[in-house]
Amino acid sequence: MNSYGSFPGARPRRLRTTPAMRRMVAETRLHPADLILPAFVREGVTEPVPIAAMPGVVQHSRDTLRKAAVEAVEAGVSGIMLFGVPEDAKKDAVGTAGTDPDGILQVAIRDVRAEVGDDLVIMSDLCLDEYTDHGHCGVLDAAGRVDNDATLERYAEMAQVQADAGVHVVGPSGMMDGQVGVVRDALDTIGKEDVSILAYAVKYSSAFYGPFREAVASSLSGDRKTYQQDPANLRESLRELALDLEEGADMVMVKPAGPYLDVLARVADSVDVPVAAYQISGEYAMVEAAAEKGWIDRDKAILETLTGIRRAGAKMILTYWATEVAQKLARGL
């Protein structure tokens, strides 16, 4: 008598026979609404500036940022995460441009909000590294170390000016202890209870950030190992996660995505809030570089990496391919 619980009765390949069959039984699906577009806007430029280490990605002018936001809406992308790139002369030790109501990020938030309203979830990077002349994510003490508590005061101010500019979601990304609670209090104090917090709860000190440093014209020398997490650790991530949730995070993020799919899966299994993952600049650059060499199929590799991130548990994926992929998904490609 034939056994249907093992070969030859059991043949899993039956469910892989045609594209329609594989599509029907797929356990994980990408959708344009899963995607968030990170975008850089540079002060003082009238044309977009290409980023050499990230082919196809630019530092936007204010006008081209508006157009990118409209294109993202039309493609079905859910959100845009904005990063400001100020003029070098405006960088200082405490990141003053980051809390200037007329600083480039705040101006960009107002521009995008005026252009697309609530049709796109407008998110803003809440960190000082783009605005400091030393390139660190916080204020330095007399010994040159990042002063956690002094930095929190600056983050509170940043949250308030970004909220006043019209942002829907702030993304505190500096990995300071207590940052989520301080930001939540700062927002509530000015009556911005509806502004959400996407906490960079799990952010590793990664070699894959390299191209991003060019994208934001970073002034950093040294590293961020005293505040970003050690790539060797997982339990530490779960502790950071618990603290951010206790402090009022509405959503949480794992960054980078691809090298940390195990962490992402643990986070997704541990929480009852939406989970995001950031497919960072180095992940993007590796695929683009290998594709340019003809070593991999670019489009297939992009979809495979994003599917893997989605399968690991991310409901939202920040990716520089967001609009392109959303357009292709809408066409059934």
C-alpha atoms as a PDB file:
ATOM      1  CA  MET A   1       0.000   0.000   0.000  1.00  0.00           C
ATOM      2  CA  ASN A   2       1.343   3.394  -0.993  1.00  0.00           C
ATOM      3  CA  SER A   3       2.289   5.776   1.810  1.00  0.00           C
ATOM      4  CA  TYR A   4       1.287   9.378   1.135  1.00  0.00           C
ATOM      5  CA  GLY A   5       3.292  10.748   4.027  1.00  0.00           C
ATOM      6  CA  SER A   6       6.610  10.004   2.346  1.00  0.00           C
ATOM      7  CA  PHE A   7       8.060   9.528  -1.121  1.00  0.00           C
ATOM      8  CA  PRO A   8       6.857   8.372  -3.620  1.00  0.00           C
ATOM      9  CA  GLY A   9       3.374   9.294  -2.428  1.00  0.00           C
ATOM     10  CA  ALA A  10       4.477  12.670  -1.060  1.00  0.00           C
ATOM     11  CA  ARG A  11       5.876  14.888  -3.788  1.00  0.00           C
ATOM     12  CA  PRO A  12       6.271  18.544  -2.682  1.00  0.00           C
ATOM     13  CA  ARG A  13       7.282  19.435  -6.237  1.00  0.00           C
ATOM     14  CA  ARG A  14       3.619  19.191  -7.235  1.00  0.00           C
ATOM     15  CA  LEU A  15       3.174  22.634  -5.675  1.00  0.00           C
ATOM     16  CA  ARG A  16       5.979  24.140  -7.775  1.00  0.00           C
ATOM     17  CA  THR A  17       4.888  23.023 -11.232  1.00  0.00           C
ATOM     18  CA  THR A  18       3.817  26.372 -12.761  1.00  0.00           C
ATOM     19  CA  PRO A  19       4.166  30.084 -12.026  1.00  0.00           C
ATOM     20  CA  ALA A  20       0.442  30.232 -11.201  1.00  0.00           C
ATOM     21  CA  MET A  21       0.771  27.329  -8.765  1.00  0.00           C
ATOM     22  CA  ARG A  22       3.799  28.865  -7.057  1.00  0.00           C
ATOM     23  CA  ARG A  23       2.017  32.198  -6.787  1.00  0.00           C
ATOM     24  CA  MET A  24      -1.080  30.579  -5.294  1.00  0.00           C
ATOM     25  CA  VAL A  25       0.772  28.746  -2.508  1.00  0.00           C
ATOM     26  CA  ALA A  26       3.321  31.472  -1.721  1.00  0.00           C
ATOM     27  CA  GLU A  27       3.604  31.986   2.023  1.00  0.00           C
ATOM     28  CA  THR A  28       5.117  35.459   1.801  1.00  0.00           C
ATOM     29  CA  ARG A  29       3.969  38.274  -0.469  1.00  0.00           C
ATOM     30  CA  LEU A  30       5.456  41.670  -1.089  1.00  0.00           C
ATOM     31  CA  HIS A  31       3.029  44.537  -1.529  1.00  0.00           C
ATOM     32  CA  PRO A  32       3.723  48.193  -2.369  1.00  0.00           C
ATOM     33  CA  ALA A  33       2.162  49.178   0.968  1.00  0.00           C
ATOM     34  CA  ASP A  34       4.963  47.303   2.758  1.00  0.00           C
ATOM     35  CA  LEU A  35       7.563  49.715   1.410  1.00  0.00           C
ATOM     36  CA  ILE A  36       9.016  52.977   2.719  1.00  0.00           C
ATOM     37  CA  LEU A  37      11.343  55.154   0.650  1.00  0.00           C
ATOM     38  CA  PRO A  38      14.364  56.722   2.394  1.00  0.00           C
ATOM     39  CA  ALA A  39      15.187  60.044   0.713  1.00  0.00           C
ATOM     40  CA  PHE A  40      17.931  62.634   1.131  1.00  0.00           C
ATOM     41  CA  VAL A  41      17.398  66.345   0.568  1.00  0.00           C
ATOM     42  CA  ARG A  42      20.400  68.632   0.274  1.00  0.00           C
ATOM     43  CA  GLU A  43      20.400  72.286   1.172  1.00  0.00           C
ATOM     44  CA  GLY A  44      21.372  74.814  -1.462  1.00  0.00           C
ATOM     45  CA  VAL A  45      21.136  72.692  -4.612  1.00  0.00           C
ATOM     46  CA  THR A  46      18.796  73.176  -7.550  1.00  0.00           C
ATOM     47  CA  GLU A  47      19.485  69.833  -9.217  1.00  0.00           C
ATOM     48  CA  PRO A  48      19.771  66.363  -7.706  1.00  0.00           C
ATOM     49  CA  VAL A  49      23.311  65.283  -6.790  1.00  0.00           C
ATOM     50  CA  PRO A  50      24.167  61.636  -7.599  1.00  0.00           C
ATOM     51  CA  ILE A  51      25.595  59.504  -4.787  1.00  0.00           C
ATOM     52  CA  ALA A  52      28.545  57.636  -6.283  1.00  0.00           C
ATOM     53  CA  ALA A  53      28.410  54.703  -3.868  1.00  0.00           C
ATOM     54  CA  MET A  54      24.656  54.245  -4.403  1.00  0.00           C
ATOM     55  CA  PRO A  55      23.973  54.208  -8.163  1.00  0.00           C
ATOM     56  CA  GLY A  56      20.492  55.512  -8.893  1.00  0.00           C
ATOM     57  CA  VAL A  57      20.129  57.309  -5.536  1.00  0.00           C
ATOM     58  CA  VAL A  58      20.563  61.067  -5.240  1.00  0.00           C
ATOM     59  CA  GLN A  59      20.645  63.919  -2.799  1.00  0.00           C
ATOM     60  CA  HIS A  60      17.447  65.658  -3.845  1.00  0.00           C
ATOM     61  CA  SER A  61      16.806  69.308  -4.334  1.00  0.00           C
ATOM     62  CA  ARG A  62      13.612  70.552  -2.749  1.00  0.00           C
ATOM     63  CA  ASP A  63      11.821  70.373  -6.099  1.00  0.00           C
ATOM     64  CA  THR A  64      12.956  66.866  -6.988  1.00  0.00           C
ATOM     65  CA  LEU A  65      12.065  65.651  -3.504  1.00  0.00           C
ATOM     66  CA  ARG A  66       8.493  66.803  -4.055  1.00  0.00           C
ATOM     67  CA  LYS A  67       8.417  64.909  -7.349  1.00  0.00           C
ATOM     68  CA  ALA A  68       9.844  61.774  -5.686  1.00  0.00           C
ATOM     69  CA  ALA A  69       7.126  61.956  -3.049  1.00  0.00           C
ATOM     70  CA  VAL A  70       4.391  62.184  -5.688  1.00  0.00           C
ATOM     71  CA  GLU A  71       5.921  59.278  -7.612  1.00  0.00           C
ATOM     72  CA  ALA A  72       5.989  57.192  -4.420  1.00  0.00           C
ATOM     73  CA  VAL A  73       2.304  57.920  -3.778  1.00  0.00           C
ATOM     74  CA  GLU A  74       1.383  56.974  -7.331  1.00  0.00           C
ATOM     75  CA  ALA A  75       3.299  53.688  -6.976  1.00  0.00           C
ATOM     76  CA  GLY A  76       1.464  52.780  -3.762  1.00  0.00           C
ATOM     77  CA  VAL A  77       4.446  53.200  -1.423  1.00  0.00           C
ATOM     78  CA  SER A  78       3.271  53.790   2.144  1.00  0.00           C
ATOM     79  CA  GLY A  79       5.892  56.146   3.529  1.00  0.00           C
ATOM     80  CA  ILE A  80       8.952  58.292   2.994  1.00  0.00           C
ATOM     81  CA  MET A  81      11.781  58.666   5.518  1.00  0.00           C
ATOM     82  CA  LEU A  82      13.485  62.048   5.138  1.00  0.00           C
ATOM     83  CA  PHE A  83      17.127  62.849   5.855  1.00  0.00           C
ATOM     84  CA  GLY A  84      18.417  66.407   5.701  1.00  0.00           C
ATOM     85  CA  VAL A  85      21.855  67.308   4.361  1.00  0.00           C
ATOM     86  CA  PRO A  86      22.752  70.846   5.504  1.00  0.00           C
ATOM     87  CA  GLU A  87      25.441  73.075   4.085  1.00  0.00           C
ATOM     88  CA  ASP A  88      28.811  72.330   5.694  1.00  0.00           C
ATOM     89  CA  ALA A  89      29.044  75.868   7.064  1.00  0.00           C
ATOM     90  CA  LYS A  90      25.915  75.251   9.150  1.00  0.00           C
ATOM     91  CA  LYS A  91      27.315  72.232  10.990  1.00  0.00           C
ATOM     92  CA  ASP A  92      28.454  72.818  14.553  1.00  0.00           C
ATOM     93  CA  ALA A  93      29.212  70.917  17.740  1.00  0.00           C
ATOM     94  CA  VAL A  94      25.575  70.623  18.867  1.00  0.00           C
ATOM     95  CA  GLY A  95      23.818  70.248  15.515  1.00  0.00           C
ATOM     96  CA  THR A  96      22.002  73.573  15.603  1.00  0.00           C
ATOM     97  CA  ALA A  97      20.599  73.132  12.082  1.00  0.00           C
ATOM     98  CA  GLY A  98      18.734  70.071  13.301  1.00  0.00           C
ATOM     99  CA  THR A  99      16.539  72.179  15.570  1.00  0.00           C
ATOM    100  CA  ASP A 100      16.264  75.274  13.394  1.00  0.00           C
ATOM    101  CA  PRO A 101      12.630  75.560  12.234  1.00  0.00           C
ATOM    102  CA  ASP A 102      14.057  76.682   8.892  1.00  0.00           C
ATOM    103  CA  GLY A 103      16.666  73.919   8.751  1.00  0.00           C
ATOM    104  CA  ILE A 104      16.700  71.780   5.635  1.00  0.00           C
ATOM    105  CA  LEU A 105      14.898  68.791   7.147  1.00  0.00           C
ATOM    106  CA  GLN A 106      12.077  70.867   8.578  1.00  0.00           C
ATOM    107  CA  VAL A 107      11.711  72.715   5.261  1.00  0.00           C
ATOM    108  CA  ALA A 108      11.610  69.379   3.442  1.00  0.00           C
ATOM    109  CA  ILE A 109       8.916  68.044   5.752  1.00  0.00           C
ATOM    110  CA  ARG A 110       6.759  71.078   5.043  1.00  0.00           C
ATOM    111  CA  ASP A 111       7.408  70.747   1.305  1.00  0.00           C
ATOM    112  CA  VAL A 112       6.385  67.104   1.171  1.00  0.00           C
ATOM    113  CA  ARG A 113       3.382  67.625   3.429  1.00  0.00           C
ATOM    114  CA  ALA A 114       2.187  70.465   1.205  1.00  0.00           C
ATOM    115  CA  GLU A 115       2.674  68.303  -1.883  1.00  0.00           C
ATOM    116  CA  VAL A 116       1.078  65.009  -0.822  1.00  0.00           C
ATOM    117  CA  GLY A 117      -0.751  65.764   2.425  1.00  0.00           C
ATOM    118  CA  ASP A 118      -1.740  62.563   4.195  1.00  0.00           C
ATOM    119  CA  ASP A 119      -1.434  60.368   1.094  1.00  0.00           C
ATOM    120  CA  LEU A 120       2.083  59.392   2.159  1.00  0.00           C
ATOM    121  CA  VAL A 121       3.257  58.750   5.718  1.00  0.00           C
ATOM    122  CA  ILE A 122       5.956  61.369   6.189  1.00  0.00           C
ATOM    123  CA  MET A 123       8.734  60.202   8.492  1.00  0.00           C
ATOM    124  CA  SER A 124      11.810  62.069   9.647  1.00  0.00           C
ATOM    125  CA  ASP A 125      15.188  60.939  10.887  1.00  0.00           C
ATOM    126  CA  LEU A 126      15.581  62.230  14.422  1.00  0.00           C
ATOM    127  CA  CYS A 127      19.335  62.285  14.940  1.00  0.00           C
ATOM    128  CA  LEU A 128      22.139  64.818  15.113  1.00  0.00           C
ATOM    129  CA  ASP A 129      24.812  63.164  12.983  1.00  0.00           C
ATOM    130  CA  GLU A 130      23.908  65.002   9.778  1.00  0.00           C
ATOM    131  CA  TYR A 131      24.180  68.358  11.561  1.00  0.00           C
ATOM    132  CA  THR A 132      27.262  68.041  13.785  1.00  0.00           C
ATOM    133  CA  ASP A 133      30.752  69.008  12.666  1.00  0.00           C
ATOM    134  CA  HIS A 134      32.129  65.910  14.405  1.00  0.00           C
ATOM    135  CA  GLY A 135      29.593  63.587  12.792  1.00  0.00           C
ATOM    136  CA  HIS A 136      28.447  61.831  15.940  1.00  0.00           C
ATOM    137  CA  CYS A 137      24.798  61.254  16.777  1.00  0.00           C
ATOM    138  CA  GLY A 138      24.969  63.330  19.937  1.00  0.00           C
ATOM    139  CA  VAL A 139      26.590  66.120  21.897  1.00  0.00           C
ATOM    140  CA  LEU A 140      30.180  65.481  23.021  1.00  0.00           C
ATOM    141  CA  ASP A 141      31.456  65.997  26.558  1.00  0.00           C
ATOM    142  CA  ALA A 142      34.803  67.525  27.526  1.00  0.00           C
ATOM    143  CA  ALA A 143      36.544  64.202  26.948  1.00  0.00           C
ATOM    144  CA  GLY A 144      35.100  63.835  23.446  1.00  0.00           C
ATOM    145  CA  ARG A 145      32.600  61.131  24.400  1.00  0.00           C
ATOM    146  CA  VAL A 146      28.935  61.246  23.386  1.00  0.00           C
ATOM    147  CA  ASP A 147      27.008  62.667  26.342  1.00  0.00           C
ATOM    148  CA  ASN A 148      23.805  60.620  26.483  1.00  0.00           C
ATOM    149  CA  ASP A 149      21.675  62.902  28.644  1.00  0.00           C
ATOM    150  CA  ALA A 150      22.763  66.162  27.028  1.00  0.00           C
ATOM    151  CA  THR A 151      21.929  64.572  23.684  1.00  0.00           C
ATOM    152  CA  LEU A 152      18.430  63.698  24.885  1.00  0.00           C
ATOM    153  CA  GLU A 153      17.733  67.385  25.430  1.00  0.00           C
ATOM    154  CA  ARG A 154      18.625  68.045  21.802  1.00  0.00           C
ATOM    155  CA  TYR A 155      16.455  65.141  20.630  1.00  0.00           C
ATOM    156  CA  ALA A 156      13.478  66.595  22.492  1.00  0.00           C
ATOM    157  CA  GLU A 157      13.916  69.872  20.606  1.00  0.00           C
ATOM    158  CA  MET A 158      14.305  68.048  17.303  1.00  0.00           C
ATOM    159  CA  ALA A 159      11.105  66.110  17.862  1.00  0.00           C
ATOM    160  CA  GLN A 160       9.177  69.288  18.494  1.00  0.00           C
ATOM    161  CA  VAL A 161      10.399  71.197  15.431  1.00  0.00           C
ATOM    162  CA  GLN A 162       9.821  68.171  13.190  1.00  0.00           C
ATOM    163  CA  ALA A 163       6.313  67.769  14.571  1.00  0.00           C
ATOM    164  CA  ASP A 164       5.608  71.466  14.091  1.00  0.00           C
ATOM    165  CA  ALA A 165       6.737  71.101  10.472  1.00  0.00           C
ATOM    166  CA  GLY A 166       4.024  68.493   9.911  1.00  0.00           C
ATOM    167  CA  VAL A 167       5.719  65.099  10.168  1.00  0.00           C
ATOM    168  CA  HIS A 168       3.538  62.057  10.822  1.00  0.00           C
ATOM    169  CA  VAL A 169       6.257  59.856  12.347  1.00  0.00           C
ATOM    170  CA  VAL A 170       9.588  60.631  13.990  1.00  0.00           C
ATOM    171  CA  GLY A 171      12.385  58.076  13.887  1.00  0.00           C
ATOM    172  CA  PRO A 172      14.827  58.506  16.784  1.00  0.00           C
ATOM    173  CA  SER A 173      17.860  56.673  15.434  1.00  0.00           C
ATOM    174  CA  GLY A 174      20.779  57.749  17.615  1.00  0.00           C
ATOM    175  CA  MET A 175      20.658  54.804  20.047  1.00  0.00           C
ATOM    176  CA  MET A 176      20.777  56.986  23.146  1.00  0.00           C
ATOM    177  CA  ASP A 177      19.435  55.395  26.323  1.00  0.00           C
ATOM    178  CA  GLY A 178      16.000  56.819  27.124  1.00  0.00           C
ATOM    179  CA  GLN A 179      15.492  58.501  23.752  1.00  0.00           C
ATOM    180  CA  VAL A 180      11.995  57.167  23.083  1.00  0.00           C
ATOM    181  CA  GLY A 181      10.578  58.289  26.421  1.00  0.00           C
ATOM    182  CA  VAL A 182      12.107  61.752  26.103  1.00  0.00           C
ATOM    183  CA  VAL A 183      10.778  62.167  22.577  1.00  0.00           C
ATOM    184  CA  ARG A 184       7.300  60.983  23.582  1.00  0.00           C
ATOM    185  CA  ASP A 185       7.197  63.465  26.458  1.00  0.00           C
ATOM    186  CA  ALA A 186       8.443  66.280  24.232  1.00  0.00           C
ATOM    187  CA  LEU A 187       5.763  65.612  21.632  1.00  0.00           C
ATOM    188  CA  ASP A 188       2.964  65.321  24.181  1.00  0.00           C
ATOM    189  CA  THR A 189       4.056  68.541  25.870  1.00  0.00           C
ATOM    190  CA  ILE A 190       3.297  70.555  22.728  1.00  0.00           C
ATOM    191  CA  GLY A 191       0.055  68.767  21.961  1.00  0.00           C
ATOM    192  CA  LYS A 192       1.451  66.459  19.271  1.00  0.00           C
ATOM    193  CA  GLU A 193       0.059  63.249  20.742  1.00  0.00           C
ATOM    194  CA  ASP A 194      -0.865  62.009  17.264  1.00  0.00           C
ATOM    195  CA  VAL A 195       2.738  61.998  16.017  1.00  0.00           C
ATOM    196  CA  SER A 196       3.985  58.422  16.103  1.00  0.00           C
ATOM    197  CA  ILE A 197       7.416  57.134  17.091  1.00  0.00           C
ATOM    198  CA  LEU A 198       9.210  54.581  14.953  1.00  0.00           C
ATOM    199  CA  ALA A 199      11.943  53.537  17.353  1.00  0.00           C
ATOM    200  CA  TYR A 200      15.255  52.369  15.977  1.00  0.00           C
ATOM    201  CA  ALA A 201      15.146  49.832  18.769  1.00  0.00           C
ATOM    202  CA  VAL A 202      17.763  47.521  17.294  1.00  0.00           C
ATOM    203  CA  LYS A 203      20.518  49.338  15.429  1.00  0.00           C
ATOM    204  CA  TYR A 204      23.872  47.690  15.020  1.00  0.00           C
ATOM    205  CA  SER A 205      27.295  49.230  14.521  1.00  0.00           C
ATOM    206  CA  SER A 206      27.659  47.937  10.984  1.00  0.00           C
ATOM    207  CA  ALA A 207      30.245  48.041   8.221  1.00  0.00           C
ATOM    208  CA  PHE A 208      27.356  48.253   5.761  1.00  0.00           C
ATOM    209  CA  TYR A 209      26.651  51.927   6.560  1.00  0.00           C
ATOM    210  CA  GLY A 210      29.573  53.071   4.410  1.00  0.00           C
ATOM    211  CA  PRO A 211      27.680  54.476   1.405  1.00  0.00           C
ATOM    212  CA  PHE A 212      25.217  56.259   3.701  1.00  0.00           C
ATOM    213  CA  ARG A 213      28.061  58.375   5.041  1.00  0.00           C
ATOM    214  CA  GLU A 214      28.515  59.762   1.539  1.00  0.00           C
ATOM    215  CA  ALA A 215      24.767  60.231   1.155  1.00  0.00           C
ATOM    216  CA  VAL A 216      24.538  62.521   4.183  1.00  0.00           C
ATOM    217  CA  ALA A 217      27.988  64.091   3.731  1.00  0.00           C
ATOM    218  CA  SER A 218      28.986  62.789   7.146  1.00  0.00           C
ATOM    219  CA  SER A 219      31.798  64.482   9.067  1.00  0.00           C
ATOM    220  CA  LEU A 220      32.387  61.428  11.244  1.00  0.00           C
ATOM    221  CA  SER A 221      35.846  60.299  12.226  1.00  0.00           C
ATOM    222  CA  GLY A 222      36.114  57.195  14.356  1.00  0.00           C
ATOM    223  CA  ASP A 223      33.110  54.950  14.982  1.00  0.00           C
ATOM    224  CA  ARG A 224      29.851  54.696  16.921  1.00  0.00           C
ATOM    225  CA  LYS A 225      30.530  51.502  18.829  1.00  0.00           C
ATOM    226  CA  THR A 226      29.851  53.088  22.225  1.00  0.00           C
ATOM    227  CA  TYR A 227      26.191  53.634  21.374  1.00  0.00           C
ATOM    228  CA  GLN A 228      25.233  51.434  18.424  1.00  0.00           C
ATOM    229  CA  GLN A 229      24.950  47.727  19.206  1.00  0.00           C
ATOM    230  CA  ASP A 230      27.614  45.058  18.919  1.00  0.00           C
ATOM    231  CA  PRO A 231      26.905  42.761  15.937  1.00  0.00           C
ATOM    232  CA  ALA A 232      27.755  39.768  18.138  1.00  0.00           C
ATOM    233  CA  ASN A 233      24.772  40.305  20.438  1.00  0.00           C
ATOM    234  CA  LEU A 234      21.136  39.219  20.243  1.00  0.00           C
ATOM    235  CA  ARG A 235      19.867  39.282  23.840  1.00  0.00           C
ATOM    236  CA  GLU A 236      21.013  42.888  24.069  1.00  0.00           C
ATOM    237  CA  SER A 237      18.667  43.669  21.185  1.00  0.00           C
ATOM    238  CA  LEU A 238      15.713  42.175  23.011  1.00  0.00           C
ATOM    239  CA  ARG A 239      16.517  44.280  26.064  1.00  0.00           C
ATOM    240  CA  GLU A 240      16.711  47.449  23.955  1.00  0.00           C
ATOM    241  CA  LEU A 241      13.408  46.462  22.370  1.00  0.00           C
ATOM    242  CA  ALA A 242      11.691  46.013  25.737  1.00  0.00           C
ATOM    243  CA  LEU A 243      12.924  49.380  26.972  1.00  0.00           C
ATOM    244  CA  ASP A 244      11.707  51.219  23.866  1.00  0.00           C
ATOM    245  CA  LEU A 245       8.277  49.628  24.101  1.00  0.00           C
ATOM    246  CA  GLU A 246       8.032  50.543  27.771  1.00  0.00           C
ATOM    247  CA  GLU A 247       8.913  54.139  26.875  1.00  0.00           C
ATOM    248  CA  GLY A 248       6.106  54.379  24.330  1.00  0.00           C
ATOM    249  CA  ALA A 249       7.361  53.272  20.924  1.00  0.00           C
ATOM    250  CA  ASP A 250       4.495  52.841  18.461  1.00  0.00           C
ATOM    251  CA  MET A 251       6.601  50.875  15.973  1.00  0.00           C
ATOM    252  CA  VAL A 252      10.066  49.359  16.154  1.00  0.00           C
ATOM    253  CA  MET A 253      12.877  48.879  13.667  1.00  0.00           C
ATOM    254  CA  VAL A 254      15.774  46.514  13.066  1.00  0.00           C
ATOM    255  CA  LYS A 255      18.730  48.022  11.184  1.00  0.00           C
ATOM    256  CA  PRO A 256      20.468  46.705   9.090  1.00  0.00           C
ATOM    257  CA  ALA A 257      18.038  44.166   7.689  1.00  0.00           C
ATOM    258  CA  GLY A 258      19.782  41.532   5.585  1.00  0.00           C
ATOM    259  CA  PRO A 259      22.684  40.557   7.866  1.00  0.00           C
ATOM    260  CA  TYR A 260      20.349  40.434  10.874  1.00  0.00           C
ATOM    261  CA  LEU A 261      17.377  38.375   9.707  1.00  0.00           C
ATOM    262  CA  ASP A 262      17.689  36.167  12.800  1.00  0.00           C
ATOM    263  CA  VAL A 263      17.356  39.230  15.018  1.00  0.00           C
ATOM    264  CA  LEU A 264      14.452  40.514  12.944  1.00  0.00           C
ATOM    265  CA  ALA A 265      12.628  37.191  13.319  1.00  0.00           C
ATOM    266  CA  ARG A 266      13.095  37.212  17.091  1.00  0.00           C
ATOM    267  CA  VAL A 267      11.879  40.804  17.337  1.00  0.00           C
ATOM    268  CA  ALA A 268       8.836  40.117  15.162  1.00  0.00           C
ATOM    269  CA  ASP A 269       7.921  37.112  17.312  1.00  0.00           C
ATOM    270  CA  SER A 270       8.302  39.135  20.521  1.00  0.00           C
ATOM    271  CA  VAL A 271       6.117  42.206  19.970  1.00  0.00           C
ATOM    272  CA  ASP A 272       2.553  43.231  19.197  1.00  0.00           C
ATOM    273  CA  VAL A 273       3.471  46.469  17.422  1.00  0.00           C
ATOM    274  CA  PRO A 274       4.402  46.893  13.737  1.00  0.00           C
ATOM    275  CA  VAL A 275       7.992  45.906  12.935  1.00  0.00           C
ATOM    276  CA  ALA A 276      10.137  47.664  10.332  1.00  0.00           C
ATOM    277  CA  ALA A 277      13.499  46.731   8.882  1.00  0.00           C
ATOM    278  CA  TYR A 278      15.908  49.024   7.041  1.00  0.00           C
ATOM    279  CA  GLN A 279      17.671  47.604   4.003  1.00  0.00           C
ATOM    280  CA  ILE A 280      20.627  49.924   4.295  1.00  0.00           C
ATOM    281  CA  SER A 281      23.005  51.573   1.863  1.00  0.00           C
ATOM    282  CA  GLY A 282      25.617  48.817   1.877  1.00  0.00           C
ATOM    283  CA  GLU A 283      23.009  46.168   1.124  1.00  0.00           C
ATOM    284  CA  TYR A 284      21.789  48.293  -1.786  1.00  0.00           C
ATOM    285  CA  ALA A 285      25.285  49.025  -3.058  1.00  0.00           C
ATOM    286  CA  MET A 286      26.372  45.375  -3.062  1.00  0.00           C
ATOM    287  CA  VAL A 287      23.470  44.309  -5.264  1.00  0.00           C
ATOM    288  CA  GLU A 288      23.908  47.229  -7.644  1.00  0.00           C
ATOM    289  CA  ALA A 289      27.667  46.681  -7.920  1.00  0.00           C
ATOM    290  CA  ALA A 290      27.371  42.935  -8.517  1.00  0.00           C
ATOM    291  CA  ALA A 291      24.621  43.510 -11.074  1.00  0.00           C
ATOM    292  CA  GLU A 292      26.714  46.085 -12.907  1.00  0.00           C
ATOM    293  CA  LYS A 293      29.478  43.462 -13.184  1.00  0.00           C
ATOM    294  CA  GLY A 294      26.957  41.003 -14.604  1.00  0.00           C
ATOM    295  CA  TRP A 295      27.461  38.636 -11.690  1.00  0.00           C
ATOM    296  CA  ILE A 296      23.807  38.527 -10.590  1.00  0.00           C
ATOM    297  CA  ASP A 297      20.374  39.241 -12.033  1.00  0.00           C
ATOM    298  CA  ARG A 298      19.608  42.641 -10.520  1.00  0.00           C
ATOM    299  CA  ASP A 299      15.800  42.553 -10.509  1.00  0.00           C
ATOM    300  CA  LYS A 300      15.579  39.001  -9.195  1.00  0.00           C
ATOM    301  CA  ALA A 301      18.158  39.711  -6.495  1.00  0.00           C
ATOM    302  CA  ILE A 302      16.270  42.804  -5.326  1.00  0.00           C
ATOM    303  CA  LEU A 303      12.991  40.916  -4.995  1.00  0.00           C
ATOM    304  CA  GLU A 304      14.701  37.995  -3.262  1.00  0.00           C
ATOM    305  CA  THR A 305      16.335  40.204  -0.642  1.00  0.00           C
ATOM    306  CA  LEU A 306      13.080  42.039   0.058  1.00  0.00           C
ATOM    307  CA  THR A 307      11.098  38.799   0.233  1.00  0.00           C
ATOM    308  CA  GLY A 308      13.609  37.440   2.733  1.00  0.00           C
ATOM    309  CA  ILE A 309      13.197  40.511   4.937  1.00  0.00           C
ATOM    310  CA  ARG A 310       9.419  40.253   4.712  1.00  0.00           C
ATOM    311  CA  ARG A 311       9.528  36.513   5.447  1.00  0.00           C
ATOM    312  CA  ALA A 312      11.642  37.141   8.550  1.00  0.00           C
ATOM    313  CA  GLY A 313       8.823  39.236   9.983  1.00  0.00           C
ATOM    314  CA  ALA A 314       9.130  42.833   8.819  1.00  0.00           C
ATOM    315  CA  LYS A 315       5.770  44.414   8.025  1.00  0.00           C
ATOM    316  CA  MET A 316       7.461  47.564   6.745  1.00  0.00           C
ATOM    317  CA  ILE A 317      10.688  47.683   4.768  1.00  0.00           C
ATOM    318  CA  LEU A 318      12.743  50.818   4.232  1.00  0.00           C
ATOM    319  CA  THR A 319      14.524  50.347   0.922  1.00  0.00           C
ATOM    320  CA  TYR A 320      16.017  52.643  -1.690  1.00  0.00           C
ATOM    321  CA  TRP A 321      14.263  50.516  -4.301  1.00  0.00           C
ATOM    322  CA  ALA A 322      10.822  51.217  -2.787  1.00  0.00           C
ATOM    323  CA  THR A 323       9.247  53.128  -5.667  1.00  0.00           C
ATOM    324  CA  GLU A 324      10.812  50.996  -8.385  1.00  0.00           C
ATOM    325  CA  VAL A 325       9.724  47.748  -6.732  1.00  0.00           C
ATOM    326  CA  ALA A 326       6.230  49.071  -5.980  1.00  0.00           C
ATOM    327  CA  GLN A 327       5.782  49.982  -9.641  1.00  0.00           C
ATOM    328  CA  LYS A 328       6.835  46.497 -10.720  1.00  0.00           C
ATOM    329  CA  LEU A 329       4.604  44.806  -8.160  1.00  0.00           C
ATOM    330  CA  ALA A 330       1.660  46.856  -9.391  1.00  0.00           C
ATOM    331  CA  ARG A 331       2.352  45.544 -12.900  1.00  0.00           C
ATOM    332  CA  GLY A 332       2.497  41.983 -11.590  1.00  0.00           C
ATOM    333  CA  LEU A 333       6.209  41.588 -12.289  1.00  0.00           C
END
